[in-house]
Amino acid sequence: MARPPTATRSAGRTLPPPRQQRKGDTDIPVAVSGATASYPLRAGYFIPDTSGINAGNISTEIVVTAAYD
């Protein structure tokens, strides 16, 4: 059984473990502190057992829309 992700520390704050995102996820809450915000993000790709490893690109597209009150 895989272990759940653990919390990390950043600038003296304890952050919750990252939630596993899926393609097309929207409305991901990101805590804002002053004029900055951060969200732990990892990018990767899946290789089926039946395919060999070939050179290729890994890319992640990030679109940020901020709503201010």
C-alpha atoms as a PDB file:
ATOM      1  CA  MET A   1       0.000   0.000   0.000  1.00  0.00           C
ATOM      2  CA  ALA A   2       1.395   3.399  -0.962  1.00  0.00           C
ATOM      3  CA  ARG A   3       2.060   5.881   1.797  1.00  0.00           C
ATOM      4  CA  PRO A   4       0.056   9.106   1.646  1.00  0.00           C
ATOM      5  CA  PRO A   5       2.019  12.257   0.833  1.00  0.00           C
ATOM      6  CA  THR A   6       3.333  14.085   3.846  1.00  0.00           C
ATOM      7  CA  ALA A   7       3.084  17.748   4.672  1.00  0.00           C
ATOM      8  CA  THR A   8       6.019  19.922   3.732  1.00  0.00           C
ATOM      9  CA  ARG A   9       7.460  23.023   5.331  1.00  0.00           C
ATOM     10  CA  SER A  10       7.896  26.236   3.403  1.00  0.00           C
ATOM     11  CA  ALA A  11       9.094  29.517   4.913  1.00  0.00           C
ATOM     12  CA  GLY A  12       8.246  28.298   8.407  1.00  0.00           C
ATOM     13  CA  ARG A  13       4.707  27.218   7.494  1.00  0.00           C
ATOM     14  CA  THR A  14       3.425  23.651   7.411  1.00  0.00           C
ATOM     15  CA  LEU A  15       1.603  22.997   4.161  1.00  0.00           C
ATOM     16  CA  PRO A  16      -1.032  20.307   3.632  1.00  0.00           C
ATOM     17  CA  PRO A  17      -0.087  17.356   1.423  1.00  0.00           C
ATOM     18  CA  PRO A  18      -0.618  18.042  -2.289  1.00  0.00           C
ATOM     19  CA  ARG A  19      -3.873  16.807  -3.780  1.00  0.00           C
ATOM     20  CA  GLN A  20      -3.422  14.662  -6.865  1.00  0.00           C
ATOM     21  CA  GLN A  21      -4.705  16.667  -9.808  1.00  0.00           C
ATOM     22  CA  ARG A  22      -6.127  15.323 -13.038  1.00  0.00           C
ATOM     23  CA  LYS A  23      -6.244  16.746 -16.536  1.00  0.00           C
ATOM     24  CA  GLY A  24      -8.868  19.449 -16.710  1.00  0.00           C
ATOM     25  CA  ASP A  25      -9.109  20.093 -12.967  1.00  0.00           C
ATOM     26  CA  THR A  26     -10.474  23.513 -12.130  1.00  0.00           C
ATOM     27  CA  ASP A  27     -11.272  25.457  -8.970  1.00  0.00           C
ATOM     28  CA  ILE A  28      -8.181  24.301  -7.093  1.00  0.00           C
ATOM     29  CA  PRO A  29      -7.942  26.351  -3.887  1.00  0.00           C
ATOM     30  CA  VAL A  30      -4.644  28.198  -3.458  1.00  0.00           C
ATOM     31  CA  ALA A  31      -3.938  30.105  -0.254  1.00  0.00           C
ATOM     32  CA  VAL A  32      -2.818  33.688  -0.856  1.00  0.00           C
ATOM     33  CA  SER A  33      -0.609  35.484   1.639  1.00  0.00           C
ATOM     34  CA  GLY A  34      -0.156  39.170   0.870  1.00  0.00           C
ATOM     35  CA  ALA A  35       0.861  39.515  -2.781  1.00  0.00           C
ATOM     36  CA  THR A  36       2.077  35.927  -3.249  1.00  0.00           C
ATOM     37  CA  ALA A  37       0.638  32.449  -3.493  1.00  0.00           C
ATOM     38  CA  SER A  38       2.094  29.029  -4.171  1.00  0.00           C
ATOM     39  CA  TYR A  39       0.881  25.554  -5.015  1.00  0.00           C
ATOM     40  CA  PRO A  40       3.070  22.424  -5.175  1.00  0.00           C
ATOM     41  CA  LEU A  41       2.866  21.050  -8.708  1.00  0.00           C
ATOM     42  CA  ARG A  42       4.433  18.016 -10.333  1.00  0.00           C
ATOM     43  CA  ALA A  43       4.297  17.060 -14.000  1.00  0.00           C
ATOM     44  CA  GLY A  44       4.875  13.683 -15.546  1.00  0.00           C
ATOM     45  CA  TYR A  45       3.564  11.158 -18.015  1.00  0.00           C
ATOM     46  CA  PHE A  46       2.380   7.566 -18.006  1.00  0.00           C
ATOM     47  CA  ILE A  47       4.221   4.822 -19.896  1.00  0.00           C
ATOM     48  CA  PRO A  48       2.190   1.634 -20.454  1.00  0.00           C
ATOM     49  CA  ASP A  49       3.988  -1.652 -19.754  1.00  0.00           C
ATOM     50  CA  THR A  50       3.653  -2.605 -23.428  1.00  0.00           C
ATOM     51  CA  SER A  51       5.594   0.383 -24.783  1.00  0.00           C
ATOM     52  CA  GLY A  52       9.280   1.123 -24.793  1.00  0.00           C
ATOM     53  CA  ILE A  53      10.757   4.314 -23.467  1.00  0.00           C
ATOM     54  CA  ASN A  54      11.269   6.865 -26.220  1.00  0.00           C
ATOM     55  CA  ALA A  55      12.605  10.393 -26.147  1.00  0.00           C
ATOM     56  CA  GLY A  56       9.831  12.933 -25.913  1.00  0.00           C
ATOM     57  CA  ASN A  57       8.575  16.048 -24.238  1.00  0.00           C
ATOM     58  CA  ILE A  58       6.890  16.501 -20.908  1.00  0.00           C
ATOM     59  CA  SER A  59       4.876  19.657 -20.667  1.00  0.00           C
ATOM     60  CA  THR A  60       2.435  21.227 -18.278  1.00  0.00           C
ATOM     61  CA  GLU A  61       0.054  24.024 -19.092  1.00  0.00           C
ATOM     62  CA  ILE A  62      -0.904  26.274 -16.222  1.00  0.00           C
ATOM     63  CA  VAL A  63      -3.660  28.844 -16.543  1.00  0.00           C
ATOM     64  CA  VAL A  64      -4.228  31.084 -13.548  1.00  0.00           C
ATOM     65  CA  THR A  65      -7.336  33.197 -13.191  1.00  0.00           C
ATOM     66  CA  ALA A  66      -7.485  35.310 -10.054  1.00  0.00           C
ATOM     67  CA  ALA A  67     -10.634  36.773  -8.558  1.00  0.00           C
ATOM     68  CA  TYR A  68     -10.207  39.719  -6.234  1.00  0.00           C
ATOM     69  CA  ASP A  69     -12.808  40.913  -3.736  1.00  0.00           C
END
